[in-house]
Amino acid sequence: MTDRTLLDPRPQRARDARPVRAVDEGPQEDDDPGALRDEVARVVAIEDDDRYRTEVSTLLAAHATQWRRIAARLCRTNSVPAAQHLDDVAAIVVETAWEMLERSRRDPAYLRSMRSFLAIVVYTARPRVRSFLDHATAPASGMVAAQRRRRELARTRSELAALRGAAPSVEEAVRATNERLGAHRADVVRQGMVVTEADELVLRGALSFDEALDSARTTDAHADCVLHAVEVPALVRSVVDAAHAEDPARGRVAALWMSEAYGGGGPLPGHDTVVWIARTLGLPRHRTVAHIDRVRELAAQHLRDVGIVLDAVDSV
């Protein structure tokens, strides 16, 4: 059995009859896996730390295409769209390769035990990728029932629109949905299936985290506030809609960040907002920060549109 066969468990005929997609991507791994192992051996044998770090960076960059091929393959193995998760999975693969380089430098026997460096990268990265994707694609707490409510609300809207020839109002759609669910479910409250107008907002592009924004509560206006409290929900919805139009993930970040800033939601006191959003949505920290920066820009633009100019975007 060759090293390449270790990386591809399919029968020989299946490997020879490779699909067009695989041909477009190029070889799944090196034709000579031992070549990379030899290259790794040369790098980890370098004693000078500065030169070693430089060579590690060069090696990882030189094989970037291979890391992404492995990442694409792991996305397919886990049945997730590569277009959505490829960058994150590739980062895990690169981190795995780097850790293996470090271990090989500390323990030369570790590298000598390998027939193929790439095979061990795949083997080691696979459970890490699976764990990451399990968290990234799992619904947040309470979101399963929320998703069901919104499906039921969307169904009601479609049925009423088909019967009437016109879209129902928010109140009509919510009332009709709750009447139908109440007639067929034993305890809609316990099941979390009481539909509200907040679910309608979600269908327009916001998220469940916007629910607090429409709740009836008394608010006090402060002289140094650029917006009156009653204007805040409209601002939040407009920013979330704009962010969602650019990128659905950005819309989800916007809903959480705007809710934390204006809606009384957010992490527990003393907890970092970026970390909270990243963990809630299963996003990398750097991507979360980038989305928040863009949401700040959108919020500032919406404020300028209503005649409010801020000295700094961060003050939004």
C-alpha atoms as a PDB file:
ATOM      1  CA  MET A   1       0.000   0.000   0.000  1.00  0.00           C
ATOM      2  CA  THR A   2       1.452   3.372  -1.025  1.00  0.00           C
ATOM      3  CA  ASP A   3       1.436   6.555   1.036  1.00  0.00           C
ATOM      4  CA  ARG A   4      -1.090   8.046  -1.329  1.00  0.00           C
ATOM      5  CA  THR A   5      -3.399   5.085  -0.795  1.00  0.00           C
ATOM      6  CA  LEU A   6      -3.253   5.790   2.933  1.00  0.00           C
ATOM      7  CA  LEU A   7      -4.713   9.216   2.227  1.00  0.00           C
ATOM      8  CA  ASP A   8      -7.398   7.906  -0.143  1.00  0.00           C
ATOM      9  CA  PRO A   9      -9.256   4.804   1.077  1.00  0.00           C
ATOM     10  CA  ARG A  10     -11.298   4.383  -2.116  1.00  0.00           C
ATOM     11  CA  PRO A  11     -10.767   1.313  -4.359  1.00  0.00           C
ATOM     12  CA  GLN A  12      -8.145   1.709  -7.079  1.00  0.00           C
ATOM     13  CA  ARG A  13     -10.740   1.957  -9.840  1.00  0.00           C
ATOM     14  CA  ALA A  14     -12.511   4.769  -8.011  1.00  0.00           C
ATOM     15  CA  ARG A  15      -9.241   6.606  -7.521  1.00  0.00           C
ATOM     16  CA  ASP A  16      -8.374   6.270 -11.195  1.00  0.00           C
ATOM     17  CA  ALA A  17     -11.812   7.472 -12.301  1.00  0.00           C
ATOM     18  CA  ARG A  18     -11.546  10.807 -10.532  1.00  0.00           C
ATOM     19  CA  PRO A  19     -14.453  13.239 -11.003  1.00  0.00           C
ATOM     20  CA  VAL A  20     -14.116  16.454 -12.960  1.00  0.00           C
ATOM     21  CA  ARG A  21     -14.224  18.485  -9.735  1.00  0.00           C
ATOM     22  CA  ALA A  22     -11.141  16.726  -8.390  1.00  0.00           C
ATOM     23  CA  VAL A  23      -9.332  17.251 -11.688  1.00  0.00           C
ATOM     24  CA  ASP A  24     -10.120  20.963 -11.511  1.00  0.00           C
ATOM     25  CA  GLU A  25      -8.676  21.123  -8.019  1.00  0.00           C
ATOM     26  CA  GLY A  26      -5.503  19.314  -9.011  1.00  0.00           C
ATOM     27  CA  PRO A  27      -3.939  16.409  -7.102  1.00  0.00           C
ATOM     28  CA  GLN A  28      -5.304  15.927  -3.615  1.00  0.00           C
ATOM     29  CA  GLU A  29      -1.781  15.699  -2.159  1.00  0.00           C
ATOM     30  CA  ASP A  30       1.822  15.502  -3.320  1.00  0.00           C
ATOM     31  CA  ASP A  31       2.692  12.825  -5.848  1.00  0.00           C
ATOM     32  CA  ASP A  32       5.676  12.100  -3.600  1.00  0.00           C
ATOM     33  CA  PRO A  33       4.568  12.478   0.053  1.00  0.00           C
ATOM     34  CA  GLY A  34       8.086  11.604   1.163  1.00  0.00           C
ATOM     35  CA  ALA A  35       9.383  14.805  -0.436  1.00  0.00           C
ATOM     36  CA  LEU A  36       7.473  16.983   2.024  1.00  0.00           C
ATOM     37  CA  ARG A  37       8.578  14.803   4.906  1.00  0.00           C
ATOM     38  CA  ASP A  38      12.189  15.282   3.820  1.00  0.00           C
ATOM     39  CA  GLU A  39      11.620  19.021   3.550  1.00  0.00           C
ATOM     40  CA  VAL A  40      10.185  19.066   7.064  1.00  0.00           C
ATOM     41  CA  ALA A  41      13.183  17.078   8.327  1.00  0.00           C
ATOM     42  CA  ARG A  42      15.538  19.667   6.873  1.00  0.00           C
ATOM     43  CA  VAL A  43      13.667  22.545   8.491  1.00  0.00           C
ATOM     44  CA  VAL A  44      13.305  21.029  11.965  1.00  0.00           C
ATOM     45  CA  ALA A  45      17.009  20.201  12.008  1.00  0.00           C
ATOM     46  CA  ILE A  46      17.882  23.917  11.913  1.00  0.00           C
ATOM     47  CA  GLU A  47      19.278  24.922  15.305  1.00  0.00           C
ATOM     48  CA  ASP A  48      19.135  28.709  14.959  1.00  0.00           C
ATOM     49  CA  ASP A  49      15.716  29.782  16.201  1.00  0.00           C
ATOM     50  CA  ASP A  50      15.358  32.851  13.977  1.00  0.00           C
ATOM     51  CA  ARG A  51      16.306  30.957  10.851  1.00  0.00           C
ATOM     52  CA  TYR A  52      14.048  28.085  11.881  1.00  0.00           C
ATOM     53  CA  ARG A  53      11.012  30.378  12.228  1.00  0.00           C
ATOM     54  CA  THR A  54      11.744  31.917   8.832  1.00  0.00           C
ATOM     55  CA  GLU A  55      12.006  28.504   7.197  1.00  0.00           C
ATOM     56  CA  VAL A  56       8.790  27.341   8.857  1.00  0.00           C
ATOM     57  CA  SER A  57       6.914  30.353   7.496  1.00  0.00           C
ATOM     58  CA  THR A  58       8.378  29.731   4.049  1.00  0.00           C
ATOM     59  CA  LEU A  59       7.433  26.058   4.096  1.00  0.00           C
ATOM     60  CA  LEU A  60       3.866  26.700   5.234  1.00  0.00           C
ATOM     61  CA  ALA A  61       3.403  29.408   2.610  1.00  0.00           C
ATOM     62  CA  ALA A  62       4.903  27.273  -0.143  1.00  0.00           C
ATOM     63  CA  HIS A  63       2.357  24.533   0.504  1.00  0.00           C
ATOM     64  CA  ALA A  64      -0.667  26.819   0.933  1.00  0.00           C
ATOM     65  CA  THR A  65      -2.407  25.193  -2.024  1.00  0.00           C
ATOM     66  CA  GLN A  66      -2.083  21.782  -0.424  1.00  0.00           C
ATOM     67  CA  TRP A  67      -3.503  22.991   2.889  1.00  0.00           C
ATOM     68  CA  ARG A  68      -6.533  24.414   1.071  1.00  0.00           C
ATOM     69  CA  ARG A  69      -7.025  21.198  -0.886  1.00  0.00           C
ATOM     70  CA  ILE A  70      -7.038  19.261   2.365  1.00  0.00           C
ATOM     71  CA  ALA A  71      -9.443  21.818   3.845  1.00  0.00           C
ATOM     72  CA  ALA A  72     -11.804  21.502   0.880  1.00  0.00           C
ATOM     73  CA  ARG A  73     -11.724  17.731   1.241  1.00  0.00           C
ATOM     74  CA  LEU A  74     -12.499  17.946   4.965  1.00  0.00           C
ATOM     75  CA  CYS A  75     -15.415  20.293   4.222  1.00  0.00           C
ATOM     76  CA  ARG A  76     -16.856  17.710   1.839  1.00  0.00           C
ATOM     77  CA  THR A  77     -16.250  14.915   4.338  1.00  0.00           C
ATOM     78  CA  ASN A  78     -18.247  16.872   6.929  1.00  0.00           C
ATOM     79  CA  SER A  79     -20.964  17.826   4.408  1.00  0.00           C
ATOM     80  CA  VAL A  80     -20.558  21.569   4.816  1.00  0.00           C
ATOM     81  CA  PRO A  81     -20.210  24.136   2.004  1.00  0.00           C
ATOM     82  CA  ALA A  82     -16.570  24.900   1.312  1.00  0.00           C
ATOM     83  CA  ALA A  83     -17.514  28.383   0.152  1.00  0.00           C
ATOM     84  CA  GLN A  84     -18.643  29.181   3.695  1.00  0.00           C
ATOM     85  CA  HIS A  85     -16.092  27.321   5.829  1.00  0.00           C
ATOM     86  CA  LEU A  86     -12.985  26.849   3.666  1.00  0.00           C
ATOM     87  CA  ASP A  87     -10.936  29.689   5.201  1.00  0.00           C
ATOM     88  CA  ASP A  88     -11.587  28.560   8.762  1.00  0.00           C
ATOM     89  CA  VAL A  89     -10.890  24.902   8.027  1.00  0.00           C
ATOM     90  CA  ALA A  90      -7.723  25.804   6.097  1.00  0.00           C
ATOM     91  CA  ALA A  91      -6.543  27.784   9.145  1.00  0.00           C
ATOM     92  CA  ILE A  92      -7.038  24.682  11.303  1.00  0.00           C
ATOM     93  CA  VAL A  93      -5.051  22.591   8.809  1.00  0.00           C
ATOM     94  CA  VAL A  94      -2.186  25.108   8.774  1.00  0.00           C
ATOM     95  CA  GLU A  95      -2.181  25.276  12.567  1.00  0.00           C
ATOM     96  CA  THR A  96      -2.057  21.476  12.676  1.00  0.00           C
ATOM     97  CA  ALA A  97       0.901  21.412  10.281  1.00  0.00           C
ATOM     98  CA  TRP A  98       2.699  24.048  12.363  1.00  0.00           C
ATOM     99  CA  GLU A  99       2.155  22.086  15.585  1.00  0.00           C
ATOM    100  CA  MET A 100       3.498  18.968  13.886  1.00  0.00           C
ATOM    101  CA  LEU A 101       6.603  20.893  12.829  1.00  0.00           C
ATOM    102  CA  GLU A 102       7.139  22.057  16.395  1.00  0.00           C
ATOM    103  CA  ARG A 103       6.713  18.545  17.769  1.00  0.00           C
ATOM    104  CA  SER A 104       9.044  17.139  15.120  1.00  0.00           C
ATOM    105  CA  ARG A 105      11.697  19.616  16.176  1.00  0.00           C
ATOM    106  CA  ARG A 106      11.365  18.617  19.822  1.00  0.00           C
ATOM    107  CA  ASP A 107      11.120  14.905  19.075  1.00  0.00           C
ATOM    108  CA  PRO A 108      12.887  13.719  15.896  1.00  0.00           C
ATOM    109  CA  ALA A 109      11.472  10.222  16.447  1.00  0.00           C
ATOM    110  CA  TYR A 110       7.982  11.622  15.855  1.00  0.00           C
ATOM    111  CA  LEU A 111       8.859  12.632  12.298  1.00  0.00           C
ATOM    112  CA  ARG A 112      10.800   9.436  11.612  1.00  0.00           C
ATOM    113  CA  SER A 113       7.699   7.410  12.483  1.00  0.00           C
ATOM    114  CA  MET A 114       5.774   8.958   9.570  1.00  0.00           C
ATOM    115  CA  ARG A 115       5.614   7.561   6.079  1.00  0.00           C
ATOM    116  CA  SER A 116       3.727  10.677   4.945  1.00  0.00           C
ATOM    117  CA  PHE A 117       3.683  14.045   6.691  1.00  0.00           C
ATOM    118  CA  LEU A 118       0.501  15.049   4.831  1.00  0.00           C
ATOM    119  CA  ALA A 119      -1.294  11.870   5.854  1.00  0.00           C
ATOM    120  CA  ILE A 120      -0.706  12.691   9.518  1.00  0.00           C
ATOM    121  CA  VAL A 121      -1.813  16.304   8.939  1.00  0.00           C
ATOM    122  CA  VAL A 122      -5.125  15.014   7.582  1.00  0.00           C
ATOM    123  CA  TYR A 123      -5.455  12.441  10.373  1.00  0.00           C
ATOM    124  CA  THR A 124      -4.723  15.004  13.104  1.00  0.00           C
ATOM    125  CA  ALA A 125      -6.775  17.851  11.637  1.00  0.00           C
ATOM    126  CA  ARG A 126      -9.880  15.753  10.965  1.00  0.00           C
ATOM    127  CA  PRO A 127     -11.272  15.611  14.559  1.00  0.00           C
ATOM    128  CA  ARG A 128     -10.347  19.255  15.141  1.00  0.00           C
ATOM    129  CA  VAL A 129     -12.253  20.310  12.043  1.00  0.00           C
ATOM    130  CA  ARG A 130     -15.220  18.162  13.015  1.00  0.00           C
ATOM    131  CA  SER A 131     -15.318  19.740  16.475  1.00  0.00           C
ATOM    132  CA  PHE A 132     -15.095  23.246  15.018  1.00  0.00           C
ATOM    133  CA  LEU A 133     -17.850  22.604  12.483  1.00  0.00           C
ATOM    134  CA  ASP A 134     -20.084  21.025  15.116  1.00  0.00           C
ATOM    135  CA  HIS A 135     -19.965  24.291  17.055  1.00  0.00           C
ATOM    136  CA  ALA A 136     -20.043  26.563  14.003  1.00  0.00           C
ATOM    137  CA  THR A 137     -23.114  24.943  12.471  1.00  0.00           C
ATOM    138  CA  ALA A 138     -25.062  24.116  15.640  1.00  0.00           C
ATOM    139  CA  PRO A 139     -27.982  26.405  16.524  1.00  0.00           C
ATOM    140  CA  ALA A 140     -27.460  28.704  19.480  1.00  0.00           C
ATOM    141  CA  SER A 141     -29.411  27.993  22.642  1.00  0.00           C
ATOM    142  CA  GLY A 142     -33.121  28.556  22.003  1.00  0.00           C
ATOM    143  CA  MET A 143     -32.661  28.903  18.261  1.00  0.00           C
ATOM    144  CA  VAL A 144     -34.254  25.548  17.351  1.00  0.00           C
ATOM    145  CA  ALA A 145     -37.665  26.628  18.625  1.00  0.00           C
ATOM    146  CA  ALA A 146     -37.120  30.083  17.145  1.00  0.00           C
ATOM    147  CA  GLN A 147     -36.405  28.592  13.734  1.00  0.00           C
ATOM    148  CA  ARG A 148     -39.576  26.499  13.980  1.00  0.00           C
ATOM    149  CA  ARG A 149     -41.651  29.553  14.902  1.00  0.00           C
ATOM    150  CA  ARG A 150     -40.331  31.425  11.900  1.00  0.00           C
ATOM    151  CA  ARG A 151     -41.019  28.538   9.554  1.00  0.00           C
ATOM    152  CA  GLU A 152     -44.589  28.417  10.834  1.00  0.00           C
ATOM    153  CA  LEU A 153     -44.942  32.192  10.475  1.00  0.00           C
ATOM    154  CA  ALA A 154     -43.574  32.089   6.925  1.00  0.00           C
ATOM    155  CA  ARG A 155     -46.048  29.303   6.107  1.00  0.00           C
ATOM    156  CA  THR A 156     -48.937  31.357   7.467  1.00  0.00           C
ATOM    157  CA  ARG A 157     -47.891  34.426   5.490  1.00  0.00           C
ATOM    158  CA  SER A 158     -47.711  32.402   2.282  1.00  0.00           C
ATOM    159  CA  GLU A 159     -51.088  30.737   2.856  1.00  0.00           C
ATOM    160  CA  LEU A 160     -52.864  34.012   3.692  1.00  0.00           C
ATOM    161  CA  ALA A 161     -51.267  35.786   0.735  1.00  0.00           C
ATOM    162  CA  ALA A 162     -52.407  32.990  -1.586  1.00  0.00           C
ATOM    163  CA  LEU A 163     -55.963  33.106  -0.214  1.00  0.00           C
ATOM    164  CA  ARG A 164     -56.307  36.899  -0.238  1.00  0.00           C
ATOM    165  CA  GLY A 165     -54.117  37.873  -3.128  1.00  0.00           C
ATOM    166  CA  ALA A 166     -52.288  40.308  -0.848  1.00  0.00           C
ATOM    167  CA  ALA A 167     -49.727  40.010   1.920  1.00  0.00           C
ATOM    168  CA  PRO A 168     -51.207  39.988   5.446  1.00  0.00           C
ATOM    169  CA  SER A 169     -50.229  42.554   8.031  1.00  0.00           C
ATOM    170  CA  VAL A 170     -47.762  41.616  10.743  1.00  0.00           C
ATOM    171  CA  GLU A 171     -50.517  41.433  13.341  1.00  0.00           C
ATOM    172  CA  GLU A 172     -52.705  39.230  11.136  1.00  0.00           C
ATOM    173  CA  ALA A 173     -49.893  36.801  10.334  1.00  0.00           C
ATOM    174  CA  VAL A 174     -48.839  36.507  13.989  1.00  0.00           C
ATOM    175  CA  ARG A 175     -52.408  36.040  15.225  1.00  0.00           C
ATOM    176  CA  ALA A 176     -53.271  33.427  12.570  1.00  0.00           C
ATOM    177  CA  THR A 177     -50.072  31.496  13.257  1.00  0.00           C
ATOM    178  CA  ASN A 178     -50.690  31.363  17.004  1.00  0.00           C
ATOM    179  CA  GLU A 179     -54.299  30.270  16.456  1.00  0.00           C
ATOM    180  CA  ARG A 180     -53.220  27.424  14.190  1.00  0.00           C
ATOM    181  CA  LEU A 181     -50.399  26.298  16.502  1.00  0.00           C
ATOM    182  CA  GLY A 182     -52.636  26.519  19.578  1.00  0.00           C
ATOM    183  CA  ALA A 183     -55.184  24.246  17.936  1.00  0.00           C
ATOM    184  CA  HIS A 184     -52.648  21.537  17.153  1.00  0.00           C
ATOM    185  CA  ARG A 185     -50.135  21.687  20.031  1.00  0.00           C
ATOM    186  CA  ALA A 186     -50.724  20.727  23.658  1.00  0.00           C
ATOM    187  CA  ASP A 187     -48.639  23.481  25.279  1.00  0.00           C
ATOM    188  CA  VAL A 188     -47.241  26.125  22.934  1.00  0.00           C
ATOM    189  CA  VAL A 189     -45.791  28.131  25.827  1.00  0.00           C
ATOM    190  CA  ARG A 190     -43.737  25.251  27.207  1.00  0.00           C
ATOM    191  CA  GLN A 191     -42.624  24.350  23.698  1.00  0.00           C
ATOM    192  CA  GLY A 192     -41.497  27.910  23.001  1.00  0.00           C
ATOM    193  CA  MET A 193     -43.879  28.163  20.060  1.00  0.00           C
ATOM    194  CA  VAL A 194     -45.696  31.410  20.817  1.00  0.00           C
ATOM    195  CA  VAL A 195     -45.020  33.570  17.758  1.00  0.00           C
ATOM    196  CA  THR A 196     -44.416  37.299  18.270  1.00  0.00           C
ATOM    197  CA  GLU A 197     -43.811  40.302  16.053  1.00  0.00           C
ATOM    198  CA  ALA A 198     -40.095  39.850  16.735  1.00  0.00           C
ATOM    199  CA  ASP A 199     -40.242  36.676  14.617  1.00  0.00           C
ATOM    200  CA  GLU A 200     -41.585  38.788  11.780  1.00  0.00           C
ATOM    201  CA  LEU A 201     -38.545  41.055  12.130  1.00  0.00           C
ATOM    202  CA  VAL A 202     -36.302  38.015  11.789  1.00  0.00           C
ATOM    203  CA  LEU A 203     -37.941  37.068   8.513  1.00  0.00           C
ATOM    204  CA  ARG A 204     -37.117  40.560   7.275  1.00  0.00           C
ATOM    205  CA  GLY A 205     -33.410  40.104   8.010  1.00  0.00           C
ATOM    206  CA  ALA A 206     -32.916  40.645  11.767  1.00  0.00           C
ATOM    207  CA  LEU A 207     -32.457  37.876  14.338  1.00  0.00           C
ATOM    208  CA  SER A 208     -33.996  36.555  17.498  1.00  0.00           C
ATOM    209  CA  PHE A 209     -31.640  38.821  19.432  1.00  0.00           C
ATOM    210  CA  ASP A 210     -33.720  41.769  18.213  1.00  0.00           C
ATOM    211  CA  GLU A 211     -36.713  40.620  20.248  1.00  0.00           C
ATOM    212  CA  ALA A 212     -35.839  42.848  23.199  1.00  0.00           C
ATOM    213  CA  LEU A 213     -35.759  45.893  20.962  1.00  0.00           C
ATOM    214  CA  ASP A 214     -39.523  45.883  20.413  1.00  0.00           C
ATOM    215  CA  SER A 215     -40.504  45.108  23.980  1.00  0.00           C
ATOM    216  CA  ALA A 216     -42.725  47.622  25.751  1.00  0.00           C
ATOM    217  CA  ARG A 217     -40.682  49.362  28.413  1.00  0.00           C
ATOM    218  CA  THR A 218     -40.287  52.830  29.837  1.00  0.00           C
ATOM    219  CA  THR A 219     -37.138  54.656  28.797  1.00  0.00           C
ATOM    220  CA  ASP A 220     -35.535  57.885  29.914  1.00  0.00           C
ATOM    221  CA  ALA A 221     -34.030  60.278  27.419  1.00  0.00           C
ATOM    222  CA  HIS A 222     -30.692  61.868  28.244  1.00  0.00           C
ATOM    223  CA  ALA A 223     -29.558  65.248  27.051  1.00  0.00           C
ATOM    224  CA  ASP A 224     -26.265  63.905  25.691  1.00  0.00           C
ATOM    225  CA  CYS A 225     -27.845  61.108  23.614  1.00  0.00           C
ATOM    226  CA  VAL A 226     -27.789  61.609  19.841  1.00  0.00           C
ATOM    227  CA  LEU A 227     -30.960  59.509  19.450  1.00  0.00           C
ATOM    228  CA  HIS A 228     -34.157  59.409  21.433  1.00  0.00           C
ATOM    229  CA  ALA A 229     -34.930  55.977  22.815  1.00  0.00           C
ATOM    230  CA  VAL A 230     -37.947  55.553  20.516  1.00  0.00           C
ATOM    231  CA  GLU A 231     -35.689  56.103  17.474  1.00  0.00           C
ATOM    232  CA  VAL A 232     -33.252  53.355  18.386  1.00  0.00           C
ATOM    233  CA  PRO A 233     -35.248  50.307  17.170  1.00  0.00           C
ATOM    234  CA  ALA A 234     -35.640  51.826  13.704  1.00  0.00           C
ATOM    235  CA  LEU A 235     -31.905  52.532  13.539  1.00  0.00           C
ATOM    236  CA  VAL A 236     -31.054  49.023  14.670  1.00  0.00           C
ATOM    237  CA  ARG A 237     -33.363  47.371  12.158  1.00  0.00           C
ATOM    238  CA  SER A 238     -32.054  49.489   9.292  1.00  0.00           C
ATOM    239  CA  VAL A 239     -28.426  48.715  10.143  1.00  0.00           C
ATOM    240  CA  VAL A 240     -29.112  44.992  10.595  1.00  0.00           C
ATOM    241  CA  ASP A 241     -30.964  44.899   7.258  1.00  0.00           C
ATOM    242  CA  ALA A 242     -28.085  46.669   5.497  1.00  0.00           C
ATOM    243  CA  ALA A 243     -25.506  44.345   7.058  1.00  0.00           C
ATOM    244  CA  HIS A 244     -27.540  41.271   6.169  1.00  0.00           C
ATOM    245  CA  ALA A 245     -27.808  42.452   2.560  1.00  0.00           C
ATOM    246  CA  GLU A 246     -23.998  42.513   2.363  1.00  0.00           C
ATOM    247  CA  ASP A 247     -23.444  39.208   4.148  1.00  0.00           C
ATOM    248  CA  PRO A 248     -25.880  37.055   6.186  1.00  0.00           C
ATOM    249  CA  ALA A 249     -23.155  36.409   8.767  1.00  0.00           C
ATOM    250  CA  ARG A 250     -22.601  40.159   9.064  1.00  0.00           C
ATOM    251  CA  GLY A 251     -26.323  40.588   9.635  1.00  0.00           C
ATOM    252  CA  ARG A 252     -26.190  38.138  12.533  1.00  0.00           C
ATOM    253  CA  VAL A 253     -23.194  39.933  14.024  1.00  0.00           C
ATOM    254  CA  ALA A 254     -24.974  43.262  13.593  1.00  0.00           C
ATOM    255  CA  ALA A 255     -28.063  41.989  15.404  1.00  0.00           C
ATOM    256  CA  LEU A 256     -25.989  40.849  18.368  1.00  0.00           C
ATOM    257  CA  TRP A 257     -23.714  43.878  18.478  1.00  0.00           C
ATOM    258  CA  MET A 258     -26.542  46.403  18.064  1.00  0.00           C
ATOM    259  CA  SER A 259     -28.621  44.559  20.640  1.00  0.00           C
ATOM    260  CA  GLU A 260     -25.707  44.722  23.077  1.00  0.00           C
ATOM    261  CA  ALA A 261     -25.178  48.411  22.371  1.00  0.00           C
ATOM    262  CA  TYR A 262     -28.800  49.580  22.372  1.00  0.00           C
ATOM    263  CA  GLY A 263     -31.129  46.816  23.410  1.00  0.00           C
ATOM    264  CA  GLY A 264     -29.998  45.790  26.852  1.00  0.00           C
ATOM    265  CA  GLY A 265     -28.733  42.430  25.617  1.00  0.00           C
ATOM    266  CA  GLY A 266     -25.195  41.198  25.332  1.00  0.00           C
ATOM    267  CA  PRO A 267     -22.709  39.269  27.446  1.00  0.00           C
ATOM    268  CA  LEU A 268     -22.586  39.128  31.203  1.00  0.00           C
ATOM    269  CA  PRO A 269     -20.866  42.066  32.904  1.00  0.00           C
ATOM    270  CA  GLY A 270     -17.096  41.793  32.627  1.00  0.00           C
ATOM    271  CA  HIS A 271     -17.216  39.611  29.516  1.00  0.00           C
ATOM    272  CA  ASP A 272     -15.775  40.728  26.198  1.00  0.00           C
ATOM    273  CA  THR A 273     -18.408  41.567  23.578  1.00  0.00           C
ATOM    274  CA  VAL A 274     -16.318  40.302  20.657  1.00  0.00           C
ATOM    275  CA  VAL A 275     -15.669  36.974  22.380  1.00  0.00           C
ATOM    276  CA  TRP A 276     -19.351  36.669  23.259  1.00  0.00           C
ATOM    277  CA  ILE A 277     -20.469  37.291  19.677  1.00  0.00           C
ATOM    278  CA  ALA A 278     -17.800  35.006  18.217  1.00  0.00           C
ATOM    279  CA  ARG A 279     -18.730  32.139  20.537  1.00  0.00           C
ATOM    280  CA  THR A 280     -22.461  32.644  20.087  1.00  0.00           C
ATOM    281  CA  LEU A 281     -22.244  32.537  16.294  1.00  0.00           C
ATOM    282  CA  GLY A 282     -19.283  30.161  15.996  1.00  0.00           C
ATOM    283  CA  LEU A 283     -17.141  32.684  14.123  1.00  0.00           C
ATOM    284  CA  PRO A 284     -13.395  33.299  14.359  1.00  0.00           C
ATOM    285  CA  ARG A 285     -12.472  36.360  16.401  1.00  0.00           C
ATOM    286  CA  HIS A 286     -10.747  38.149  13.512  1.00  0.00           C
ATOM    287  CA  ARG A 287     -13.811  37.745  11.298  1.00  0.00           C
ATOM    288  CA  THR A 288     -16.106  38.921  14.088  1.00  0.00           C
ATOM    289  CA  VAL A 289     -13.988  42.053  14.572  1.00  0.00           C
ATOM    290  CA  ALA A 290     -14.068  42.749  10.829  1.00  0.00           C
ATOM    291  CA  HIS A 291     -17.864  42.420  10.758  1.00  0.00           C
ATOM    292  CA  ILE A 292     -18.260  44.728  13.768  1.00  0.00           C
ATOM    293  CA  ASP A 293     -16.022  47.345  12.151  1.00  0.00           C
ATOM    294  CA  ARG A 294     -18.208  47.270   9.053  1.00  0.00           C
ATOM    295  CA  VAL A 295     -21.394  47.442  11.144  1.00  0.00           C
ATOM    296  CA  ARG A 296     -20.016  50.564  12.855  1.00  0.00           C
ATOM    297  CA  GLU A 297     -19.515  52.120   9.424  1.00  0.00           C
ATOM    298  CA  LEU A 298     -23.065  51.240   8.400  1.00  0.00           C
ATOM    299  CA  ALA A 299     -24.458  52.669  11.636  1.00  0.00           C
ATOM    300  CA  ALA A 300     -22.506  55.890  11.162  1.00  0.00           C
ATOM    301  CA  GLN A 301     -23.788  56.148   7.588  1.00  0.00           C
ATOM    302  CA  HIS A 302     -27.384  55.700   8.700  1.00  0.00           C
ATOM    303  CA  LEU A 303     -26.931  58.384  11.318  1.00  0.00           C
ATOM    304  CA  ARG A 304     -25.466  60.745   8.717  1.00  0.00           C
ATOM    305  CA  ASP A 305     -28.494  60.043   6.530  1.00  0.00           C
ATOM    306  CA  VAL A 306     -30.732  61.477   9.254  1.00  0.00           C
ATOM    307  CA  GLY A 307     -28.474  64.471   9.824  1.00  0.00           C
ATOM    308  CA  ILE A 308     -26.388  63.194  12.742  1.00  0.00           C
ATOM    309  CA  VAL A 309     -22.633  63.421  12.246  1.00  0.00           C
ATOM    310  CA  LEU A 310     -20.392  61.729  14.786  1.00  0.00           C
ATOM    311  CA  ASP A 311     -16.805  62.604  15.564  1.00  0.00           C
ATOM    312  CA  ALA A 312     -15.838  58.932  15.622  1.00  0.00           C
ATOM    313  CA  VAL A 313     -17.492  55.806  14.346  1.00  0.00           C
ATOM    314  CA  ASP A 314     -16.725  54.113  17.637  1.00  0.00           C
ATOM    315  CA  SER A 315     -19.160  56.424  19.388  1.00  0.00           C
ATOM    316  CA  VAL A 316     -22.105  54.772  17.648  1.00  0.00           C
END
